[in-house]
Amino acid sequence: MAILNKGQTFSDGEQVTSTKLNTAVDGATFASGAVDDVSTQLSGGAIIVKDGGVTTAKIADDGVTTAKIEDDAVTTAKIADSGVTTTKIADNNVITSKIADSNVTTAKITDSGVTTTKIADDAVTTSKIADSSITTLKIADSNITTAKIANNNVTTSKIANSNITTSKIADSGITLQKLATSVKDALYPVGSIYTNATNSANPSTLIGFGTWAAFGAGRVLVGIDGSQSEFNSIGETGGSKTHTLTTSQIPSHNHNIISTGQYFKSDGSTGGGSNVWTTQSNGGSNLTGSTGGGQAHNNLQPYIVVYMWKRTA
C-alpha cells in the first residue's frame, strides 16, 4: 500500500532535472494508507497523533519533562486511570503551576503512589485539597510529622469527628510542654497582667513562656472610663499618696475670740471677759488663737502589695 502520493509522474525516457525532482517532492502528499486512523490520522496534509496514540510503553523513562509540557496541557481527560506512575515522574517534576484546580483526585492516585520525595516543599496547599479528599486510609502511620505542618494549618474545621484516634498519635507526639504553652498563650496573650502574692520571679522563668516586664510599681489598676478625663486612655497615670488642703478646700467655719483682757465691744464700749465681736467701730485689732500644723494628710485607699508583670511579647 502506497504511503505517499506522487507530486509528478514521469514518462518513459523523459529527462529528469532538478526542477522536475523538486516539483515531484513538493507536490507529494501522504496517502491514506500512511495512517491507521486509530493512533494517527491525516490533517491538512500532515500526519498527527490521535488521543490514545501515545502510550506509556512508547515513552522512555524521563522522556517527558516539565520543560516540554505547556502549562495546563495535561488534563485529567488526557490521562488514563493509573497511566501516571511514580516511576514515570522525576523527583520534583510535579509543581502546583502544572496542576489545574481539581485535576488531581483520589481516584487518579494509587495507594502509596505519591510519596514525600515526589512532592516539592509547599507544593500542596489547602486550596488544592478538596474537603474530605484526604482520609486516614490514604495516610500511612507516622507519615505526617509536626515538622511538615505549618503553624495554625490544622484547624478543627479540617478534622472530621473521630478522625484522630490514639493509634494515630505516636508516643510522645503530644507533649505536656506543647499543651501547656498553648494553654498559657490562650490565658495570657500579649498585654495581659500577671500577679503573684509570694514569688518575685519573672513569669518567663516561673511559668516558662513569653517576655514580661515589671508593671505598675506603687500603683493600683483602674478600669478605663471614656466619660472621665482622668481614666479615658490606656496607660494614663494620676493621683498622689498625700495631699495638703488649700484654703478653698477647707469647709467654711467660724472661730470664737477668747478674751483675756479688755477689748472693744461691737457697740464701741469697752469690757472684759469672753465675747464675740462682729464689728469694731473704735479701732483696734483682735486675733483668734492659732492651731494645726499645715501638714499633708494620707490619701491612700486600703491596699495589699503583690508582684505584678505585663506580657510584652
Protein backbone atom coordinates (compact mmCIF):
# COMPACT_ATOMS: atom_id res chain seq x y z
CA MET A 1 0.00 0.00 0.00
CA ALA A 2 1.38 3.34 -1.05
CA ILE A 3 2.33 5.76 1.72
CA LEU A 4 2.96 8.81 -0.50
CA ASN A 5 1.03 10.21 -3.45
CA LYS A 6 3.38 11.32 -6.21
CA GLY A 7 3.67 15.00 -6.90
CA GLN A 8 4.57 14.41 -10.60
CA THR A 9 4.59 11.39 -12.95
CA PHE A 10 7.49 10.94 -15.37
CA SER A 11 7.02 9.32 -18.79
CA ASP A 12 9.38 6.67 -20.15
CA GLY A 13 12.56 8.21 -21.47
CA GLU A 14 11.78 11.62 -20.04
CA GLN A 15 14.84 13.53 -18.89
CA VAL A 16 14.93 14.14 -15.12
CA THR A 17 16.02 17.58 -13.99
CA SER A 18 16.43 19.16 -10.56
CA THR A 19 13.39 21.32 -11.21
CA LYS A 20 11.26 18.30 -12.02
CA LEU A 21 12.54 16.49 -8.92
CA ASN A 22 11.73 19.48 -6.70
CA THR A 23 8.25 19.63 -8.21
CA ALA A 24 7.72 15.91 -7.58
CA VAL A 25 8.81 16.21 -3.96
CA ASP A 26 6.96 19.45 -3.21
CA GLY A 27 3.73 18.07 -4.66
CA ALA A 28 3.89 14.74 -2.86
CA THR A 29 1.25 14.04 -0.18
CA PHE A 30 0.65 11.32 2.36
CA ALA A 31 -1.66 8.58 1.15
CA SER A 32 -4.50 7.30 3.30
CA GLY A 33 -2.51 4.13 3.86
CA ALA A 34 0.11 6.09 5.79
CA VAL A 35 -2.16 6.27 8.87
CA ASP A 36 -4.33 3.76 10.73
CA ASP A 37 -6.97 6.30 11.87
CA VAL A 38 -6.64 4.80 15.36
CA SER A 39 -3.42 6.17 16.74
CA THR A 40 -2.66 8.50 13.79
CA GLN A 41 -4.66 10.43 11.18
CA LEU A 42 -4.23 12.85 8.26
CA SER A 43 -4.88 16.52 8.93
CA GLY A 44 -4.17 19.25 6.38
CA GLY A 45 -1.70 17.03 4.53
CA ALA A 46 0.21 16.19 7.72
CA ILE A 47 0.12 13.14 9.99
CA ILE A 48 -0.99 13.86 13.55
CA VAL A 49 -1.19 11.61 16.61
CA LYS A 50 -4.67 10.92 17.89
CA ASP A 51 -5.69 10.70 21.55
CA GLY A 52 -4.59 7.28 22.70
CA GLY A 53 -1.80 7.14 20.13
CA VAL A 54 0.85 7.82 22.77
CA THR A 55 1.10 5.09 25.39
CA THR A 56 3.38 4.72 28.37
CA ALA A 57 5.17 1.89 26.55
CA LYS A 58 6.16 4.34 23.78
CA ILE A 59 7.62 6.92 26.16
CA ALA A 60 11.09 6.33 27.54
CA ASP A 61 11.61 6.84 31.25
CA ASP A 62 12.17 10.55 31.85
CA GLY A 63 11.35 11.25 28.17
CA VAL A 64 8.69 13.77 29.15
CA THR A 65 9.94 16.69 31.22
CA THR A 66 8.18 19.75 32.59
CA ALA A 67 10.05 21.92 30.06
CA LYS A 68 8.33 20.01 27.21
CA ILE A 69 4.82 20.39 28.64
CA GLU A 70 2.91 23.66 28.40
CA ASP A 71 1.01 24.86 31.44
CA ASP A 72 -2.37 23.12 31.69
CA ALA A 73 -1.57 20.95 28.63
CA VAL A 74 -2.09 17.83 30.69
CA THR A 75 -5.68 17.38 31.84
CA THR A 76 -7.47 14.53 33.54
CA ALA A 77 -9.17 13.69 30.21
CA LYS A 78 -5.73 13.09 28.68
CA ILE A 79 -4.60 10.72 31.41
CA ALA A 80 -5.93 7.18 31.61
CA ASP A 81 -6.59 5.82 35.08
CA SER A 82 -3.29 4.59 36.53
CA GLY A 83 -1.46 5.89 33.42
CA VAL A 84 0.86 8.04 35.52
CA THR A 85 3.06 6.04 37.85
CA THR A 86 5.77 7.12 40.26
CA THR A 87 8.49 5.62 38.01
CA LYS A 88 7.37 7.97 35.19
CA ILE A 89 7.72 11.09 37.35
CA ALA A 90 11.11 12.51 38.25
CA ASP A 91 11.56 13.94 41.72
CA ASN A 92 10.04 17.45 41.99
CA ASN A 93 8.71 17.35 38.40
CA VAL A 94 5.16 17.95 39.56
CA ILE A 95 4.62 21.53 40.79
CA THR A 96 1.44 23.41 41.65
CA SER A 97 1.60 25.62 38.50
CA LYS A 98 1.38 22.46 36.34
CA ILE A 99 -1.75 21.19 38.08
CA ALA A 100 -5.13 22.79 37.42
CA ASP A 101 -7.52 23.04 40.37
CA SER A 102 -9.31 19.73 41.00
CA ASN A 103 -7.37 17.91 38.21
CA VAL A 104 -5.87 15.50 40.71
CA THR A 105 -8.44 13.38 42.51
CA THR A 106 -8.10 10.49 44.89
CA ALA A 107 -9.36 8.16 42.13
CA LYS A 108 -6.33 9.13 39.98
CA ILE A 109 -3.80 8.32 42.70
CA THR A 110 -2.99 4.72 43.54
CA ASP A 111 -2.32 3.85 47.15
CA SER A 112 1.26 4.80 48.02
CA GLY A 113 1.71 6.31 44.51
CA VAL A 114 2.56 9.74 45.92
CA THR A 115 5.48 9.86 48.31
CA THR A 116 7.03 12.75 50.18
CA THR A 117 10.13 12.67 47.92
CA LYS A 118 7.90 13.25 44.86
CA ILE A 119 6.35 16.44 46.29
CA ALA A 120 8.30 19.69 46.48
CA ASP A 121 8.12 21.64 49.74
CA ASP A 122 4.96 23.77 49.91
CA ALA A 123 3.65 22.31 46.61
CA VAL A 124 0.49 21.06 48.30
CA THR A 125 -1.72 23.82 49.69
CA THR A 126 -5.13 23.70 51.34
CA SER A 127 -6.73 25.28 48.23
CA LYS A 128 -5.50 22.28 46.17
CA ILE A 129 -7.14 19.75 48.50
CA ALA A 130 -10.87 19.18 48.36
CA ASP A 131 -12.68 18.71 51.65
CA SER A 132 -12.55 15.07 52.74
CA SER A 133 -10.16 14.12 49.86
CA ILE A 134 -7.54 13.05 52.36
CA THR A 135 -8.69 10.20 54.55
CA THR A 136 -6.94 8.23 57.23
CA LEU A 137 -6.75 5.27 54.81
CA LYS A 138 -4.60 7.37 52.43
CA ILE A 139 -2.11 8.38 55.13
CA ALA A 140 0.43 5.89 56.34
CA ASP A 141 1.15 5.82 60.04
CA SER A 142 3.83 8.36 61.00
CA ASN A 143 3.82 10.00 57.50
CA ILE A 144 2.62 13.31 58.95
CA THR A 145 5.07 14.87 61.36
CA THR A 146 4.99 18.19 63.19
CA ALA A 147 7.92 19.42 61.05
CA LYS A 148 5.76 19.06 57.91
CA ILE A 149 2.80 21.03 59.28
CA ALA A 150 2.97 24.83 59.31
CA ASN A 151 1.76 26.59 62.43
CA ASN A 152 -2.03 27.04 62.51
CA ASN A 153 -2.53 24.97 59.30
CA VAL A 154 -4.50 22.29 61.12
CA THR A 155 -7.82 23.60 62.40
CA THR A 156 -10.83 21.88 63.95
CA SER A 157 -12.86 22.55 60.77
CA LYS A 158 -10.33 20.47 58.79
CA ILE A 159 -10.65 17.45 61.10
CA ALA A 160 -13.70 15.23 60.91
CA ASN A 161 -15.14 13.91 64.15
CA SER A 162 -13.34 10.77 65.35
CA ASN A 163 -10.62 11.07 62.66
CA ILE A 164 -7.91 11.50 65.26
CA THR A 165 -7.52 8.40 67.39
CA THR A 166 -4.95 7.38 69.96
CA SER A 167 -3.49 4.89 67.46
CA LYS A 168 -2.73 7.81 65.09
CA ILE A 169 -0.73 9.71 67.70
CA ALA A 170 2.78 8.45 68.26
CA ASP A 171 4.01 8.11 71.82
CA SER A 172 5.31 11.49 72.97
CA GLY A 173 3.84 13.12 69.83
CA ILE A 174 1.81 15.48 72.00
CA THR A 175 3.84 16.62 74.97
CA LEU A 176 2.79 18.33 78.15
CA GLN A 177 5.08 21.23 77.21
CA LYS A 178 3.25 21.75 73.87
CA LEU A 179 -0.14 21.63 75.57
CA ALA A 180 0.93 23.88 78.42
CA THR A 181 2.37 26.51 76.06
CA SER A 182 -0.85 26.58 74.02
CA VAL A 183 -2.97 26.96 77.16
CA LYS A 184 -0.73 29.68 78.59
CA ASP A 185 -0.82 31.63 75.33
CA ALA A 186 -4.61 31.49 75.40
CA LEU A 187 -4.80 32.59 79.04
CA TYR A 188 -2.11 35.29 78.87
CA PRO A 189 -2.00 36.94 75.42
CA VAL A 190 0.42 39.85 74.89
CA GLY A 191 -0.71 42.80 77.04
CA SER A 192 -2.03 40.62 79.88
CA ILE A 193 -1.22 41.35 83.54
CA TYR A 194 0.12 38.57 85.78
CA THR A 195 0.18 38.90 89.58
CA ASN A 196 1.77 36.77 92.28
CA ALA A 197 1.40 37.32 96.01
CA THR A 198 4.56 35.46 97.10
CA ASN A 199 7.01 34.76 94.25
CA SER A 200 9.07 37.59 92.75
CA ALA A 201 10.44 35.56 89.80
CA ASN A 202 9.84 36.82 86.26
CA PRO A 203 6.93 34.84 84.71
CA SER A 204 9.15 33.86 81.75
CA THR A 205 11.07 31.77 84.28
CA LEU A 206 8.27 30.98 86.70
CA ILE A 207 5.63 29.78 84.21
CA GLY A 208 8.04 29.21 81.32
CA PHE A 209 6.89 31.31 78.36
CA GLY A 210 6.61 34.85 76.99
CA THR A 211 8.51 38.07 77.65
CA TRP A 212 7.42 40.03 80.73
CA ALA A 213 8.24 43.40 82.31
CA ALA A 214 7.58 44.56 85.88
CA PHE A 215 4.46 46.70 85.84
CA GLY A 216 2.62 49.30 87.93
CA ALA A 217 5.16 49.75 90.74
CA GLY A 218 3.45 51.56 93.65
CA ARG A 219 0.17 51.96 91.76
CA VAL A 220 -3.29 50.36 91.68
CA LEU A 221 -5.18 49.40 88.50
CA VAL A 222 -8.28 51.32 87.37
CA GLY A 223 -10.70 50.33 84.60
CA ILE A 224 -10.92 52.62 81.58
CA ASP A 225 -13.84 55.12 81.58
CA GLY A 226 -14.28 57.25 78.49
CA SER A 227 -16.56 59.65 80.32
CA GLN A 228 -13.87 60.80 82.77
CA SER A 229 -10.77 62.62 81.53
CA GLU A 230 -8.61 61.05 84.26
CA PHE A 231 -9.42 57.48 83.10
CA ASN A 232 -10.13 57.72 79.35
CA SER A 233 -6.85 56.39 77.89
CA ILE A 234 -4.85 53.19 78.45
CA GLY A 235 -1.64 53.76 80.41
CA GLU A 236 -2.74 57.09 81.85
CA THR A 237 -1.48 57.77 85.38
CA GLY A 238 -2.54 60.13 88.16
CA GLY A 239 -3.29 60.51 91.86
CA SER A 240 -0.97 61.12 94.85
CA LYS A 241 -0.16 59.36 98.13
CA THR A 242 -0.62 62.54 100.24
CA HIS A 243 -2.37 65.90 99.90
CA THR A 244 -2.19 69.29 101.63
CA LEU A 245 -5.50 71.13 101.76
CA THR A 246 -5.68 74.58 100.26
CA THR A 247 -7.80 77.42 101.74
CA SER A 248 -10.51 76.83 99.14
CA GLN A 249 -10.69 73.16 100.15
CA ILE A 250 -11.30 73.92 103.87
CA PRO A 251 -15.02 73.94 104.86
CA SER A 252 -16.49 77.33 105.74
CA HIS A 253 -16.44 77.90 109.57
CA ASN A 254 -16.14 80.48 112.46
CA HIS A 255 -13.82 80.80 115.44
CA ASN A 256 -14.54 82.27 118.94
CA ILE A 257 -12.25 85.05 120.23
CA ILE A 258 -11.09 84.22 123.75
CA SER A 259 -10.85 87.44 125.79
CA THR A 260 -8.05 87.65 128.40
CA GLY A 261 -8.25 91.41 128.90
CA GLN A 262 -10.29 94.40 127.88
CA TYR A 263 -11.41 94.73 124.23
CA PHE A 264 -13.72 96.96 122.24
CA LYS A 265 -17.25 95.69 122.02
CA SER A 266 -19.36 95.94 118.91
CA ASP A 267 -21.22 98.96 120.37
CA GLY A 268 -17.97 100.89 120.90
CA SER A 269 -17.75 100.39 124.67
CA THR A 270 -15.07 98.50 126.48
CA GLY A 271 -15.37 95.43 128.60
CA GLY A 272 -13.68 92.24 129.71
CA GLY A 273 -14.39 88.50 129.60
CA SER A 274 -15.25 86.19 126.72
CA ASN A 275 -17.13 87.85 123.85
CA VAL A 276 -17.58 87.60 120.09
CA TRP A 277 -17.16 90.85 118.15
CA THR A 278 -18.66 91.31 114.74
CA THR A 279 -17.55 94.91 114.17
CA GLN A 280 -15.18 97.34 115.78
CA SER A 281 -16.16 100.99 115.45
CA ASN A 282 -13.46 102.43 117.69
CA GLY A 283 -10.41 100.85 116.12
CA GLY A 284 -8.16 98.08 117.41
CA SER A 285 -7.34 94.57 116.21
CA ASN A 286 -8.35 91.15 117.60
CA LEU A 287 -6.95 87.72 116.57
CA THR A 288 -8.11 84.22 117.37
CA GLY A 289 -5.71 81.66 118.72
CA SER A 290 -3.85 79.55 116.04
CA THR A 291 -3.86 75.71 115.74
CA GLY A 292 -2.93 72.98 113.19
CA GLY A 293 0.42 72.06 111.59
CA GLY A 294 -0.25 72.60 107.85
CA GLN A 295 0.96 69.05 107.01
CA ALA A 296 -0.26 66.89 104.10
CA HIS A 297 -2.76 64.17 105.01
CA ASN A 298 -2.66 60.47 103.99
CA ASN A 299 -4.57 59.92 100.75
CA LEU A 300 -4.23 56.11 100.33
CA GLN A 301 -7.07 53.65 99.94
CA PRO A 302 -6.87 50.27 101.71
CA TYR A 303 -4.36 48.14 99.71
CA ILE A 304 -2.33 44.93 99.57
CA VAL A 305 1.02 44.62 97.77
CA VAL A 306 1.71 41.90 95.15
CA TYR A 307 4.27 41.25 92.38
CA MET A 308 2.82 42.49 89.08
CA TRP A 309 4.07 41.86 85.50
CA LYS A 310 2.89 42.79 81.99
CA ARG A 311 3.46 40.47 79.00
CA THR A 312 5.22 42.36 76.17
CA ALA A 313 5.91 39.51 73.71
